[in-house]
Amino acid sequence: MDSLLTHLGLCLRAGKLAVGEEPVRLALAEGRARMVLIAADAGAHTRRKLEPKLGGVPLATLPAGKAAVGGALGRESCAICAVTDKGFAQSLSQRLTQAPNPNAHGGVTI
């Protein structure tokens, strides 16, 4: 999981990650989102609000909670983010399939 979160931080530093509900919504609306990631402990309301806006963009659950995801991104917490680069999305998808959490939804085709 550390490798996954480290890679997510790298994606942010490269400017290829929209973090938070509004930036994710905007990335989806503009067609820039390649993959949306949601923290394992994100509320059902967050998921329900997001799903109608996906428009075919893959959604994966991270094997980490909001605090761990936020820590990897230099924030207190983060429930949702969107990868805006195809290469990063493919790499994160592969890392998700290797994640130790059996509840993680990885292996998404990008």
PDB file of N, CA and C in Angstrom:
ATOM      1  N   MET A   1       0.829  -1.187   0.000  1.00  0.00           N
ATOM      2  CA  MET A   1       0.000   0.000   0.000  1.00  0.00           C
ATOM      3  C   MET A   1       0.875   1.253   0.000  1.00  0.00           C
ATOM      4  N   ASP A   2       2.021   1.230   0.678  1.00  0.00           N
ATOM      5  CA  ASP A   2       2.895   2.402   0.711  1.00  0.00           C
ATOM      6  C   ASP A   2       3.317   2.798  -0.697  1.00  0.00           C
ATOM      7  N   SER A   3       3.613   1.807  -1.532  1.00  0.00           N
ATOM      8  CA  SER A   3       4.008   2.074  -2.912  1.00  0.00           C
ATOM      9  C   SER A   3       2.871   2.761  -3.671  1.00  0.00           C
ATOM     10  N   LEU A   4       1.671   2.326  -3.428  1.00  0.00           N
ATOM     11  CA  LEU A   4       0.499   2.911  -4.081  1.00  0.00           C
ATOM     12  C   LEU A   4       0.331   4.373  -3.670  1.00  0.00           C
ATOM     13  N   LEU A   5       0.421   4.643  -2.370  1.00  0.00           N
ATOM     14  CA  LEU A   5       0.258   6.012  -1.885  1.00  0.00           C
ATOM     15  C   LEU A   5       1.417   6.902  -2.322  1.00  0.00           C
ATOM     16  N   THR A   6       2.614   6.344  -2.374  1.00  0.00           N
ATOM     17  CA  THR A   6       3.768   7.095  -2.863  1.00  0.00           C
ATOM     18  C   THR A   6       3.565   7.477  -4.319  1.00  0.00           C
ATOM     19  N   HIS A   7       3.057   6.551  -5.097  1.00  0.00           N
ATOM     20  CA  HIS A   7       2.793   6.800  -6.517  1.00  0.00           C
ATOM     21  C   HIS A   7       1.699   7.859  -6.682  1.00  0.00           C
ATOM     22  N   LEU A   8       0.722   7.828  -5.810  1.00  0.00           N
ATOM     23  CA  LEU A   8      -0.343   8.824  -5.839  1.00  0.00           C
ATOM     24  C   LEU A   8       0.242  10.219  -5.547  1.00  0.00           C
ATOM     25  N   GLY A   9       1.169  10.295  -4.599  1.00  0.00           N
ATOM     26  CA  GLY A   9       1.837  11.554  -4.294  1.00  0.00           C
ATOM     27  C   GLY A   9       2.657  12.048  -5.473  1.00  0.00           C
ATOM     28  N   LEU A  10       3.309  11.142  -6.166  1.00  0.00           N
ATOM     29  CA  LEU A  10       4.080  11.495  -7.359  1.00  0.00           C
ATOM     30  C   LEU A  10       3.160  12.063  -8.439  1.00  0.00           C
ATOM     31  N   CYS A  11       2.013  11.467  -8.583  1.00  0.00           N
ATOM     32  CA  CYS A  11       1.010  11.923  -9.545  1.00  0.00           C
ATOM     33  C   CYS A  11       0.588  13.365  -9.211  1.00  0.00           C
ATOM     34  N   LEU A  12       0.408  13.654  -7.933  1.00  0.00           N
ATOM     35  CA  LEU A  12       0.040  15.004  -7.507  1.00  0.00           C
ATOM     36  C   LEU A  12       1.153  15.994  -7.836  1.00  0.00           C
ATOM     37  N   ARG A  13       2.388  15.625  -7.513  1.00  0.00           N
ATOM     38  CA  ARG A  13       3.512  16.522  -7.771  1.00  0.00           C
ATOM     39  C   ARG A  13       3.706  16.771  -9.267  1.00  0.00           C
ATOM     40  N   ALA A  14       3.302  15.835 -10.089  1.00  0.00           N
ATOM     41  CA  ALA A  14       3.392  15.998 -11.541  1.00  0.00           C
ATOM     42  C   ALA A  14       2.241  16.844 -12.099  1.00  0.00           C
ATOM     43  N   GLY A  15       1.303  17.200 -11.233  1.00  0.00           N
ATOM     44  CA  GLY A  15       0.169  18.003 -11.681  1.00  0.00           C
ATOM     45  C   GLY A  15      -0.883  17.204 -12.420  1.00  0.00           C
ATOM     46  N   LYS A  16      -0.938  15.908 -12.164  1.00  0.00           N
ATOM     47  CA  LYS A  16      -1.858  15.017 -12.875  1.00  0.00           C
ATOM     48  C   LYS A  16      -2.919  14.416 -11.954  1.00  0.00           C
ATOM     49  N   LEU A  17      -3.247  15.136 -10.865  1.00  0.00           N
ATOM     50  CA  LEU A  17      -4.220  14.635  -9.913  1.00  0.00           C
ATOM     51  C   LEU A  17      -5.132  15.763  -9.462  1.00  0.00           C
ATOM     52  N   ALA A  18      -6.435  15.565  -9.607  1.00  0.00           N
ATOM     53  CA  ALA A  18      -7.430  16.501  -9.084  1.00  0.00           C
ATOM     54  C   ALA A  18      -7.847  15.968  -7.721  1.00  0.00           C
ATOM     55  N   VAL A  19      -7.757  16.795  -6.688  1.00  0.00           N
ATOM     56  CA  VAL A  19      -8.011  16.341  -5.321  1.00  0.00           C
ATOM     57  C   VAL A  19      -9.201  17.074  -4.731  1.00  0.00           C
ATOM     58  N   GLY A  20     -10.182  16.317  -4.254  1.00  0.00           N
ATOM     59  CA  GLY A  20     -11.363  16.902  -3.639  1.00  0.00           C
ATOM     60  C   GLY A  20     -12.566  16.852  -4.566  1.00  0.00           C
ATOM     61  N   GLU A  21     -13.720  17.046  -3.976  1.00  0.00           N
ATOM     62  CA  GLU A  21     -14.971  16.879  -4.712  1.00  0.00           C
ATOM     63  C   GLU A  21     -15.112  17.833  -5.900  1.00  0.00           C
ATOM     64  N   GLU A  22     -14.887  19.116  -5.699  1.00  0.00           N
ATOM     65  CA  GLU A  22     -15.052  20.085  -6.791  1.00  0.00           C
ATOM     66  C   GLU A  22     -14.014  19.895  -7.904  1.00  0.00           C
ATOM     67  N   PRO A  23     -12.722  19.768  -7.585  1.00  0.00           N
ATOM     68  CA  PRO A  23     -11.754  19.530  -8.662  1.00  0.00           C
ATOM     69  C   PRO A  23     -12.021  18.228  -9.428  1.00  0.00           C
ATOM     70  N   VAL A  24     -12.490  17.195  -8.734  1.00  0.00           N
ATOM     71  CA  VAL A  24     -12.814  15.933  -9.413  1.00  0.00           C
ATOM     72  C   VAL A  24     -14.017  16.128 -10.322  1.00  0.00           C
ATOM     73  N   ARG A  25     -15.030  16.816  -9.828  1.00  0.00           N
ATOM     74  CA  ARG A  25     -16.216  17.085 -10.639  1.00  0.00           C
ATOM     75  C   ARG A  25     -15.831  17.868 -11.899  1.00  0.00           C
ATOM     76  N   LEU A  26     -14.959  18.853 -11.737  1.00  0.00           N
ATOM     77  CA  LEU A  26     -14.521  19.659 -12.874  1.00  0.00           C
ATOM     78  C   LEU A  26     -13.717  18.819 -13.868  1.00  0.00           C
ATOM     79  N   ALA A  27     -12.819  17.976 -13.373  1.00  0.00           N
ATOM     80  CA  ALA A  27     -12.027  17.107 -14.257  1.00  0.00           C
ATOM     81  C   ALA A  27     -12.937  16.161 -15.040  1.00  0.00           C
ATOM     82  N   LEU A  28     -13.980  15.658 -14.400  1.00  0.00           N
ATOM     83  CA  LEU A  28     -14.937  14.789 -15.088  1.00  0.00           C
ATOM     84  C   LEU A  28     -15.703  15.577 -16.146  1.00  0.00           C
ATOM     85  N   ALA A  29     -16.173  16.760 -15.786  1.00  0.00           N
ATOM     86  CA  ALA A  29     -16.963  17.577 -16.712  1.00  0.00           C
ATOM     87  C   ALA A  29     -16.140  17.994 -17.933  1.00  0.00           C
ATOM     88  N   GLU A  30     -14.851  18.247 -17.733  1.00  0.00           N
ATOM     89  CA  GLU A  30     -13.980  18.675 -18.830  1.00  0.00           C
ATOM     90  C   GLU A  30     -13.407  17.504 -19.619  1.00  0.00           C
ATOM     91  N   GLY A  31     -13.694  16.280 -19.186  1.00  0.00           N
ATOM     92  CA  GLY A  31     -13.198  15.106 -19.882  1.00  0.00           C
ATOM     93  C   GLY A  31     -11.725  14.811 -19.634  1.00  0.00           C
ATOM     94  N   ARG A  32     -11.143  15.382 -18.579  1.00  0.00           N
ATOM     95  CA  ARG A  32      -9.735  15.164 -18.272  1.00  0.00           C
ATOM     96  C   ARG A  32      -9.494  13.955 -17.371  1.00  0.00           C
ATOM     97  N   ALA A  33     -10.494  13.527 -16.618  1.00  0.00           N
ATOM     98  CA  ALA A  33     -10.331  12.429 -15.663  1.00  0.00           C
ATOM     99  C   ALA A  33     -10.174  11.102 -16.398  1.00  0.00           C
ATOM    100  N   ARG A  34      -9.154  10.359 -16.035  1.00  0.00           N
ATOM    101  CA  ARG A  34      -8.909   9.036 -16.612  1.00  0.00           C
ATOM    102  C   ARG A  34      -9.278   7.925 -15.640  1.00  0.00           C
ATOM    103  N   MET A  35      -9.285   8.254 -14.347  1.00  0.00           N
ATOM    104  CA  MET A  35      -9.610   7.288 -13.304  1.00  0.00           C
ATOM    105  C   MET A  35      -9.948   8.073 -12.041  1.00  0.00           C
ATOM    106  N   VAL A  36     -10.985   7.666 -11.346  1.00  0.00           N
ATOM    107  CA  VAL A  36     -11.362   8.303 -10.090  1.00  0.00           C
ATOM    108  C   VAL A  36     -11.084   7.315  -8.964  1.00  0.00           C
ATOM    109  N   LEU A  37     -10.458   7.825  -7.907  1.00  0.00           N
ATOM    110  CA  LEU A  37     -10.105   7.001  -6.759  1.00  0.00           C
ATOM    111  C   LEU A  37     -10.837   7.520  -5.532  1.00  0.00           C
ATOM    112  N   ILE A  38     -11.355   6.602  -4.733  1.00  0.00           N
ATOM    113  CA  ILE A  38     -12.097   6.971  -3.532  1.00  0.00           C
ATOM    114  C   ILE A  38     -11.502   6.220  -2.346  1.00  0.00           C
ATOM    115  N   ALA A  39     -11.362   6.903  -1.219  1.00  0.00           N
ATOM    116  CA  ALA A  39     -10.801   6.294  -0.017  1.00  0.00           C
ATOM    117  C   ALA A  39     -11.727   5.197   0.496  1.00  0.00           C
ATOM    118  N   ALA A  40     -11.142   4.184   1.117  1.00  0.00           N
ATOM    119  CA  ALA A  40     -11.903   3.034   1.603  1.00  0.00           C
ATOM    120  C   ALA A  40     -12.990   3.446   2.599  1.00  0.00           C
ATOM    121  N   ASP A  41     -12.735   4.476   3.385  1.00  0.00           N
ATOM    122  CA  ASP A  41     -13.711   4.881   4.395  1.00  0.00           C
ATOM    123  C   ASP A  41     -14.523   6.119   3.996  1.00  0.00           C
ATOM    124  N   ALA A  42     -14.537   6.433   2.710  1.00  0.00           N
ATOM    125  CA  ALA A  42     -15.365   7.549   2.231  1.00  0.00           C
ATOM    126  C   ALA A  42     -16.834   7.179   2.415  1.00  0.00           C
ATOM    127  N   GLY A  43     -17.638   8.160   2.702  1.00  0.00           N
ATOM    128  CA  GLY A  43     -19.047   7.914   2.950  1.00  0.00           C
ATOM    129  C   GLY A  43     -19.814   7.485   1.709  1.00  0.00           C
ATOM    130  N   ALA A  44     -20.887   6.777   1.938  1.00  0.00           N
ATOM    131  CA  ALA A  44     -21.737   6.314   0.842  1.00  0.00           C
ATOM    132  C   ALA A  44     -22.318   7.501   0.075  1.00  0.00           C
ATOM    133  N   HIS A  45     -22.556   8.593   0.774  1.00  0.00           N
ATOM    134  CA  HIS A  45     -23.096   9.790   0.125  1.00  0.00           C
ATOM    135  C   HIS A  45     -22.122  10.321  -0.930  1.00  0.00           C
ATOM    136  N   THR A  46     -20.836  10.309  -0.616  1.00  0.00           N
ATOM    137  CA  THR A  46     -19.809  10.766  -1.557  1.00  0.00           C
ATOM    138  C   THR A  46     -19.844   9.919  -2.816  1.00  0.00           C
ATOM    139  N   ARG A  47     -19.925   8.615  -2.645  1.00  0.00           N
ATOM    140  CA  ARG A  47     -19.967   7.695  -3.787  1.00  0.00           C
ATOM    141  C   ARG A  47     -21.244   7.903  -4.607  1.00  0.00           C
ATOM    142  N   ARG A  48     -22.384   8.042  -3.942  1.00  0.00           N
ATOM    143  CA  ARG A  48     -23.657   8.226  -4.649  1.00  0.00           C
ATOM    144  C   ARG A  48     -23.678   9.520  -5.459  1.00  0.00           C
ATOM    145  N   LYS A  49     -23.086  10.591  -4.913  1.00  0.00           N
ATOM    146  CA  LYS A  49     -23.040  11.862  -5.635  1.00  0.00           C
ATOM    147  C   LYS A  49     -22.134  11.775  -6.854  1.00  0.00           C
ATOM    148  N   LEU A  50     -21.101  10.960  -6.756  1.00  0.00           N
ATOM    149  CA  LEU A  50     -20.096  10.880  -7.802  1.00  0.00           C
ATOM    150  C   LEU A  50     -20.506   9.975  -8.964  1.00  0.00           C
ATOM    151  N   GLU A  51     -21.113   8.837  -8.672  1.00  0.00           N
ATOM    152  CA  GLU A  51     -21.370   7.809  -9.687  1.00  0.00           C
ATOM    153  C   GLU A  51     -22.114   8.315 -10.925  1.00  0.00           C
ATOM    154  N   PRO A  52     -23.138   9.165 -10.804  1.00  0.00           N
ATOM    155  CA  PRO A  52     -23.817   9.625 -12.023  1.00  0.00           C
ATOM    156  C   PRO A  52     -22.948  10.511 -12.916  1.00  0.00           C
ATOM    157  N   LYS A  53     -21.884  11.077 -12.373  1.00  0.00           N
ATOM    158  CA  LYS A  53     -21.031  11.986 -13.129  1.00  0.00           C
ATOM    159  C   LYS A  53     -19.862  11.288 -13.809  1.00  0.00           C
ATOM    160  N   LEU A  54     -19.675  10.003 -13.557  1.00  0.00           N
ATOM    161  CA  LEU A  54     -18.500   9.297 -14.067  1.00  0.00           C
ATOM    162  C   LEU A  54     -18.477   9.183 -15.583  1.00  0.00           C
ATOM    163  N   GLY A  55     -19.596   8.947 -16.197  1.00  0.00           N
ATOM    164  CA  GLY A  55     -19.652   8.868 -17.651  1.00  0.00           C
ATOM    165  C   GLY A  55     -18.660   7.889 -18.258  1.00  0.00           C
ATOM    166  N   GLY A  56     -18.504   6.732 -17.655  1.00  0.00           N
ATOM    167  CA  GLY A  56     -17.605   5.720 -18.204  1.00  0.00           C
ATOM    168  C   GLY A  56     -16.190   5.768 -17.652  1.00  0.00           C
ATOM    169  N   VAL A  57     -15.861   6.769 -16.844  1.00  0.00           N
ATOM    170  CA  VAL A  57     -14.532   6.841 -16.229  1.00  0.00           C
ATOM    171  C   VAL A  57     -14.477   5.802 -15.102  1.00  0.00           C
ATOM    172  N   PRO A  58     -13.412   4.983 -15.076  1.00  0.00           N
ATOM    173  CA  PRO A  58     -13.307   3.953 -14.038  1.00  0.00           C
ATOM    174  C   PRO A  58     -13.238   4.544 -12.633  1.00  0.00           C
ATOM    175  N   LEU A  59     -13.894   3.878 -11.698  1.00  0.00           N
ATOM    176  CA  LEU A  59     -13.879   4.248 -10.288  1.00  0.00           C
ATOM    177  C   LEU A  59     -13.257   3.103  -9.515  1.00  0.00           C
ATOM    178  N   ALA A  60     -12.260   3.388  -8.684  1.00  0.00           N
ATOM    179  CA  ALA A  60     -11.607   2.352  -7.884  1.00  0.00           C
ATOM    180  C   ALA A  60     -11.552   2.803  -6.433  1.00  0.00           C
ATOM    181  N   THR A  61     -11.698   1.852  -5.530  1.00  0.00           N
ATOM    182  CA  THR A  61     -11.588   2.121  -4.107  1.00  0.00           C
ATOM    183  C   THR A  61     -10.164   1.853  -3.659  1.00  0.00           C
ATOM    184  N   LEU A  62      -9.573   2.850  -3.028  1.00  0.00           N
ATOM    185  CA  LEU A  62      -8.210   2.697  -2.519  1.00  0.00           C
ATOM    186  C   LEU A  62      -8.207   1.826  -1.260  1.00  0.00           C
ATOM    187  N   PRO A  63      -7.153   1.051  -1.038  1.00  0.00           N
ATOM    188  CA  PRO A  63      -7.077   0.214   0.167  1.00  0.00           C
ATOM    189  C   PRO A  63      -6.525   1.011   1.351  1.00  0.00           C
ATOM    190  N   ALA A  64      -6.937   2.258   1.446  1.00  0.00           N
ATOM    191  CA  ALA A  64      -6.482   3.137   2.526  1.00  0.00           C
ATOM    192  C   ALA A  64      -7.604   4.109   2.858  1.00  0.00           C
ATOM    193  N   GLY A  65      -7.603   4.564   4.086  1.00  0.00           N
ATOM    194  CA  GLY A  65      -8.602   5.512   4.534  1.00  0.00           C
ATOM    195  C   GLY A  65      -8.271   6.937   4.149  1.00  0.00           C
ATOM    196  N   LYS A  66      -9.198   7.837   4.453  1.00  0.00           N
ATOM    197  CA  LYS A  66      -9.050   9.249   4.095  1.00  0.00           C
ATOM    198  C   LYS A  66      -7.801   9.877   4.703  1.00  0.00           C
ATOM    199  N   ALA A  67      -7.489   9.527   5.942  1.00  0.00           N
ATOM    200  CA  ALA A  67      -6.317  10.110   6.601  1.00  0.00           C
ATOM    201  C   ALA A  67      -5.022   9.674   5.920  1.00  0.00           C
ATOM    202  N   ALA A  68      -4.918   8.409   5.563  1.00  0.00           N
ATOM    203  CA  ALA A  68      -3.705   7.902   4.901  1.00  0.00           C
ATOM    204  C   ALA A  68      -3.559   8.498   3.507  1.00  0.00           C
ATOM    205  N   VAL A  69      -4.648   8.582   2.777  1.00  0.00           N
ATOM    206  CA  VAL A  69      -4.601   9.165   1.430  1.00  0.00           C
ATOM    207  C   VAL A  69      -4.232  10.646   1.538  1.00  0.00           C
ATOM    208  N   GLY A  70      -4.871  11.344   2.462  1.00  0.00           N
ATOM    209  CA  GLY A  70      -4.549  12.749   2.666  1.00  0.00           C
ATOM    210  C   GLY A  70      -3.092  12.949   3.049  1.00  0.00           C
ATOM    211  N   GLY A  71      -2.570  12.095   3.921  1.00  0.00           N
ATOM    212  CA  GLY A  71      -1.169  12.181   4.326  1.00  0.00           C
ATOM    213  C   GLY A  71      -0.228  12.038   3.147  1.00  0.00           C
ATOM    214  N   ALA A  72      -0.557  11.161   2.229  1.00  0.00           N
ATOM    215  CA  ALA A  72       0.268  10.961   1.036  1.00  0.00           C
ATOM    216  C   ALA A  72       0.228  12.170   0.107  1.00  0.00           C
ATOM    217  N   LEU A  73      -0.830  12.976   0.253  1.00  0.00           N
ATOM    218  CA  LEU A  73      -1.011  14.131  -0.623  1.00  0.00           C
ATOM    219  C   LEU A  73      -0.745  15.451   0.099  1.00  0.00           C
ATOM    220  N   GLY A  74      -0.181  15.380   1.307  1.00  0.00           N
ATOM    221  CA  GLY A  74       0.138  16.587   2.053  1.00  0.00           C
ATOM    222  C   GLY A  74      -1.066  17.296   2.630  1.00  0.00           C
ATOM    223  N   ARG A  75      -2.111  16.548   2.905  1.00  0.00           N
ATOM    224  CA  ARG A  75      -3.346  17.107   3.465  1.00  0.00           C
ATOM    225  C   ARG A  75      -3.729  16.334   4.710  1.00  0.00           C
ATOM    226  N   GLU A  76      -4.684  16.870   5.432  1.00  0.00           N
ATOM    227  CA  GLU A  76      -5.167  16.172   6.625  1.00  0.00           C
ATOM    228  C   GLU A  76      -5.956  14.937   6.221  1.00  0.00           C
ATOM    229  N   SER A  77      -6.786  15.069   5.197  1.00  0.00           N
ATOM    230  CA  SER A  77      -7.548  13.923   4.701  1.00  0.00           C
ATOM    231  C   SER A  77      -7.943  14.158   3.250  1.00  0.00           C
ATOM    232  N   CYS A  78      -8.282  13.076   2.580  1.00  0.00           N
ATOM    233  CA  CYS A  78      -8.735  13.145   1.191  1.00  0.00           C
ATOM    234  C   CYS A  78      -9.639  11.942   0.936  1.00  0.00           C
ATOM    235  N   ALA A  79     -10.873  12.198   0.546  1.00  0.00           N
ATOM    236  CA  ALA A  79     -11.817  11.119   0.273  1.00  0.00           C
ATOM    237  C   ALA A  79     -11.849  10.732  -1.191  1.00  0.00           C
ATOM    238  N   ILE A  80     -11.541  11.687  -2.078  1.00  0.00           N
ATOM    239  CA  ILE A  80     -11.702  11.430  -3.502  1.00  0.00           C
ATOM    240  C   ILE A  80     -10.686  12.221  -4.322  1.00  0.00           C
ATOM    241  N   CYS A  81     -10.200  11.581  -5.376  1.00  0.00           N
ATOM    242  CA  CYS A  81      -9.288  12.257  -6.294  1.00  0.00           C
ATOM    243  C   CYS A  81      -9.443  11.632  -7.684  1.00  0.00           C
ATOM    244  N   ALA A  82      -8.978  12.358  -8.677  1.00  0.00           N
ATOM    245  CA  ALA A  82      -9.072  11.886 -10.063  1.00  0.00           C
ATOM    246  C   ALA A  82      -7.719  12.024 -10.742  1.00  0.00           C
ATOM    247  N   VAL A  83      -7.285  10.962 -11.373  1.00  0.00           N
ATOM    248  CA  VAL A  83      -6.039  10.961 -12.132  1.00  0.00           C
ATOM    249  C   VAL A  83      -6.366  11.489 -13.527  1.00  0.00           C
ATOM    250  N   THR A  84      -5.557  12.443 -13.997  1.00  0.00           N
ATOM    251  CA  THR A  84      -5.840  13.067 -15.293  1.00  0.00           C
ATOM    252  C   THR A  84      -4.837  12.668 -16.377  1.00  0.00           C
ATOM    253  N   ASP A  85      -4.013  11.694 -16.096  1.00  0.00           N
ATOM    254  CA  ASP A  85      -3.019  11.223 -17.060  1.00  0.00           C
ATOM    255  C   ASP A  85      -3.199   9.718 -17.268  1.00  0.00           C
ATOM    256  N   LYS A  86      -3.250   9.293 -18.533  1.00  0.00           N
ATOM    257  CA  LYS A  86      -3.496   7.885 -18.840  1.00  0.00           C
ATOM    258  C   LYS A  86      -2.402   6.969 -18.293  1.00  0.00           C
ATOM    259  N   GLY A  87      -1.137   7.363 -18.412  1.00  0.00           N
ATOM    260  CA  GLY A  87      -0.033   6.547 -17.921  1.00  0.00           C
ATOM    261  C   GLY A  87      -0.086   6.359 -16.419  1.00  0.00           C
ATOM    262  N   PHE A  88      -0.337   7.443 -15.681  1.00  0.00           N
ATOM    263  CA  PHE A  88      -0.459   7.332 -14.227  1.00  0.00           C
ATOM    264  C   PHE A  88      -1.668   6.462 -13.863  1.00  0.00           C
ATOM    265  N   ALA A  89      -2.768   6.624 -14.591  1.00  0.00           N
ATOM    266  CA  ALA A  89      -3.972   5.832 -14.314  1.00  0.00           C
ATOM    267  C   ALA A  89      -3.693   4.339 -14.506  1.00  0.00           C
ATOM    268  N   GLN A  90      -2.987   3.986 -15.572  1.00  0.00           N
ATOM    269  CA  GLN A  90      -2.659   2.576 -15.813  1.00  0.00           C
ATOM    270  C   GLN A  90      -1.740   2.035 -14.714  1.00  0.00           C
ATOM    271  N   SER A  91      -0.748   2.818 -14.339  1.00  0.00           N
ATOM    272  CA  SER A  91       0.188   2.406 -13.309  1.00  0.00           C
ATOM    273  C   SER A  91      -0.516   2.220 -11.964  1.00  0.00           C
ATOM    274  N   LEU A  92      -1.392   3.147 -11.605  1.00  0.00           N
ATOM    275  CA  LEU A  92      -2.131   3.026 -10.346  1.00  0.00           C
ATOM    276  C   LEU A  92      -3.081   1.838 -10.380  1.00  0.00           C
ATOM    277  N   SER A  93      -3.680   1.576 -11.519  1.00  0.00           N
ATOM    278  CA  SER A  93      -4.564   0.421 -11.660  1.00  0.00           C
ATOM    279  C   SER A  93      -3.803  -0.875 -11.403  1.00  0.00           C
ATOM    280  N   GLN A  94      -2.598  -0.967 -11.957  1.00  0.00           N
ATOM    281  CA  GLN A  94      -1.764  -2.155 -11.730  1.00  0.00           C
ATOM    282  C   GLN A  94      -1.395  -2.288 -10.257  1.00  0.00           C
ATOM    283  N   ARG A  95      -1.061  -1.180  -9.624  1.00  0.00           N
ATOM    284  CA  ARG A  95      -0.704  -1.209  -8.203  1.00  0.00           C
ATOM    285  C   ARG A  95      -1.898  -1.600  -7.340  1.00  0.00           C
ATOM    286  N   LEU A  96      -3.090  -1.196  -7.760  1.00  0.00           N
ATOM    287  CA  LEU A  96      -4.291  -1.560  -7.013  1.00  0.00           C
ATOM    288  C   LEU A  96      -4.536  -3.066  -7.056  1.00  0.00           C
ATOM    289  N   THR A  97      -4.209  -3.702  -8.171  1.00  0.00           N
ATOM    290  CA  THR A  97      -4.406  -5.149  -8.256  1.00  0.00           C
ATOM    291  C   THR A  97      -3.442  -5.884  -7.340  1.00  0.00           C
ATOM    292  N   GLN A  98      -2.323  -5.242  -6.999  1.00  0.00           N
ATOM    293  CA  GLN A  98      -1.331  -5.847  -6.115  1.00  0.00           C
ATOM    294  C   GLN A  98      -1.538  -5.455  -4.660  1.00  0.00           C
ATOM    295  N   ALA A  99      -2.502  -4.597  -4.383  1.00  0.00           N
ATOM    296  CA  ALA A  99      -2.761  -4.110  -3.027  1.00  0.00           C
ATOM    297  C   ALA A  99      -3.226  -5.259  -2.138  1.00  0.00           C
ATOM    298  N   PRO A 100      -2.827  -5.241  -0.859  1.00  0.00           N
ATOM    299  CA  PRO A 100      -3.169  -6.328   0.047  1.00  0.00           C
ATOM    300  C   PRO A 100      -4.619  -6.374   0.489  1.00  0.00           C
ATOM    301  N   ASN A 101      -5.399  -5.342   0.209  1.00  0.00           N
ATOM    302  CA  ASN A 101      -6.792  -5.277   0.642  1.00  0.00           C
ATOM    303  C   ASN A 101      -7.682  -6.008  -0.360  1.00  0.00           C
ATOM    304  N   PRO A 102      -8.348  -7.095   0.038  1.00  0.00           N
ATOM    305  CA  PRO A 102      -9.211  -7.825  -0.904  1.00  0.00           C
ATOM    306  C   PRO A 102     -10.454  -7.043  -1.288  1.00  0.00           C
ATOM    307  N   ASN A 103     -10.779  -5.972  -0.564  1.00  0.00           N
ATOM    308  CA  ASN A 103     -11.956  -5.175  -0.890  1.00  0.00           C
ATOM    309  C   ASN A 103     -11.646  -4.084  -1.900  1.00  0.00           C
ATOM    310  N   ALA A 104     -10.379  -3.923  -2.261  1.00  0.00           N
ATOM    311  CA  ALA A 104      -9.998  -2.888  -3.231  1.00  0.00           C
ATOM    312  C   ALA A 104     -10.489  -3.297  -4.614  1.00  0.00           C
ATOM    313  N   HIS A 105     -10.997  -2.323  -5.335  1.00  0.00           N
ATOM    314  CA  HIS A 105     -11.475  -2.570  -6.689  1.00  0.00           C
ATOM    315  C   HIS A 105     -10.408  -2.083  -7.648  1.00  0.00           C
ATOM    316  N   GLY A 106      -9.483  -2.922  -7.972  1.00  0.00           N
ATOM    317  CA  GLY A 106      -8.391  -2.530  -8.842  1.00  0.00           C
ATOM    318  C   GLY A 106      -8.486  -3.229 -10.174  1.00  0.00           C
ATOM    319  N   GLY A 107      -7.392  -3.185 -10.895  1.00  0.00           N
ATOM    320  CA  GLY A 107      -7.360  -3.844 -12.182  1.00  0.00           C
ATOM    321  C   GLY A 107      -8.294  -3.235 -13.195  1.00  0.00           C
ATOM    322  N   VAL A 108      -8.505  -1.956 -13.077  1.00  0.00           N
ATOM    323  CA  VAL A 108      -9.438  -1.264 -13.949  1.00  0.00           C
ATOM    324  C   VAL A 108      -8.804  -1.075 -15.312  1.00  0.00           C
ATOM    325  N   THR A 109      -9.533  -1.343 -16.359  1.00  0.00           N
ATOM    326  CA  THR A 109      -9.037  -1.126 -17.711  1.00  0.00           C
ATOM    327  C   THR A 109      -9.149   0.350 -18.034  1.00  0.00           C
ATOM    328  N   ILE A 110      -8.041   0.940 -18.386  1.00  0.00           N
ATOM    329  CA  ILE A 110      -8.005   2.374 -18.681  1.00  0.00           C
ATOM    330  C   ILE A 110      -7.951   2.562 -20.189  1.00  0.00           C
TER     331      ILE A 110
END
